[in-house]
Amino acid sequence: MQITSKGQVTIPQDVRNRLGLLPHTEVEFEVAGDHARIRKVKRALGTGIRGNRALEALRGTADTRMSTDEIMALTRVEARHGRKAR
């Protein structure tokens, strides 16, 4: 594996999977002697941006004309199966 002229390197897929490194995940590097470590940045609860980005991407994409009551009926077991939810 080589570093590009822009100083970039591709993290192998199996390493990304093991560490949970998804697109837009912030990472930090730590230099220890003659090697470097990479790890996900730990954020305080509620300060992550991944969820906010997902919500922004979905905002305004619903095209249903159902009322709130109709949507809620779809989520109830009794509406789908003719019995009461437990």
Protein backbone atom coordinates (compact mmCIF):
# COMPACT_ATOMS: atom_id res chain seq x y z
CA MET A 1 0.00 0.00 0.00
CA GLN A 2 1.32 3.43 -0.93
CA ILE A 3 0.57 6.94 0.23
CA THR A 4 -0.78 9.08 -2.61
CA SER A 5 0.74 12.39 -3.64
CA LYS A 6 -2.02 14.04 -1.56
CA GLY A 7 -0.92 12.11 1.55
CA GLN A 8 -3.89 9.73 1.44
CA VAL A 9 -4.02 6.01 2.07
CA THR A 10 -6.91 3.56 1.77
CA ILE A 11 -7.87 1.76 4.97
CA PRO A 12 -8.57 -1.87 4.02
CA GLN A 13 -12.25 -2.90 4.15
CA ASP A 14 -11.70 -5.61 6.80
CA VAL A 15 -10.02 -3.06 9.10
CA ARG A 16 -12.84 -0.54 8.55
CA ASN A 17 -15.41 -3.24 9.29
CA ARG A 18 -13.66 -4.36 12.47
CA LEU A 19 -13.34 -0.82 13.78
CA GLY A 20 -16.73 0.40 12.58
CA LEU A 21 -15.20 3.10 10.40
CA LEU A 22 -18.02 4.30 8.17
CA PRO A 23 -17.92 7.22 5.72
CA HIS A 24 -17.62 10.54 7.58
CA THR A 25 -16.33 8.83 10.75
CA GLU A 26 -13.78 11.07 12.42
CA VAL A 27 -10.50 9.40 13.32
CA GLU A 28 -7.40 10.47 15.19
CA PHE A 29 -3.79 9.41 14.89
CA GLU A 30 -1.37 8.77 17.71
CA VAL A 31 2.35 8.49 17.01
CA ALA A 32 4.09 5.95 19.23
CA GLY A 33 7.78 5.48 18.52
CA ASP A 34 8.15 4.44 14.89
CA HIS A 35 4.50 3.63 14.24
CA ALA A 36 1.13 5.35 14.25
CA ARG A 37 -2.24 4.25 15.62
CA ILE A 38 -5.60 5.17 14.18
CA ARG A 39 -8.81 5.20 16.19
CA LYS A 40 -12.30 6.59 16.05
CA VAL A 41 -12.71 9.92 17.80
CA LYS A 42 -14.75 9.44 20.96
CA ARG A 43 -17.44 12.07 21.26
CA ALA A 44 -19.59 13.04 24.19
CA LEU A 45 -23.18 11.78 23.98
CA GLY A 46 -25.36 13.92 21.76
CA THR A 47 -22.49 15.55 19.89
CA GLY A 48 -22.28 13.13 16.94
CA ILE A 49 -23.02 14.41 13.46
CA ARG A 50 -23.75 11.12 11.66
CA GLY A 51 -27.34 11.01 12.92
CA ASN A 52 -27.87 14.65 12.05
CA ARG A 53 -26.59 14.05 8.52
CA ALA A 54 -28.92 11.07 8.11
CA LEU A 55 -31.91 13.12 9.28
CA GLU A 56 -31.04 15.97 6.95
CA ALA A 57 -30.75 13.57 4.02
CA LEU A 58 -34.21 12.18 4.76
CA ARG A 59 -35.94 15.44 5.61
CA GLY A 60 -38.74 16.19 3.16
CA THR A 61 -38.52 12.88 1.31
CA ALA A 62 -41.81 11.38 2.52
CA ASP A 63 -44.50 11.58 -0.12
CA THR A 64 -47.40 9.88 1.64
CA ARG A 65 -50.74 11.60 2.04
CA MET A 66 -51.74 9.53 5.07
CA SER A 67 -52.99 11.11 8.26
CA THR A 68 -51.15 10.57 11.54
CA ASP A 69 -53.97 8.28 12.69
CA GLU A 70 -53.63 6.15 9.56
CA ILE A 71 -49.88 5.85 10.01
CA MET A 72 -50.29 4.93 13.69
CA ALA A 73 -52.87 2.26 12.77
CA LEU A 74 -50.28 0.61 10.55
CA THR A 75 -47.90 0.28 13.50
CA ARG A 76 -50.46 -1.36 15.80
CA VAL A 77 -50.61 -5.12 16.03
CA GLU A 78 -54.40 -5.06 16.38
CA ALA A 79 -54.78 -3.19 13.10
CA ARG A 80 -52.67 -5.74 11.23
CA HIS A 81 -53.69 -8.95 12.97
CA GLY A 82 -57.10 -8.24 14.47
CA ARG A 83 -55.83 -8.64 18.06
CA LYS A 84 -54.71 -6.31 20.81
CA ALA A 85 -51.07 -5.43 21.38
CA ARG A 86 -49.49 -6.83 24.52
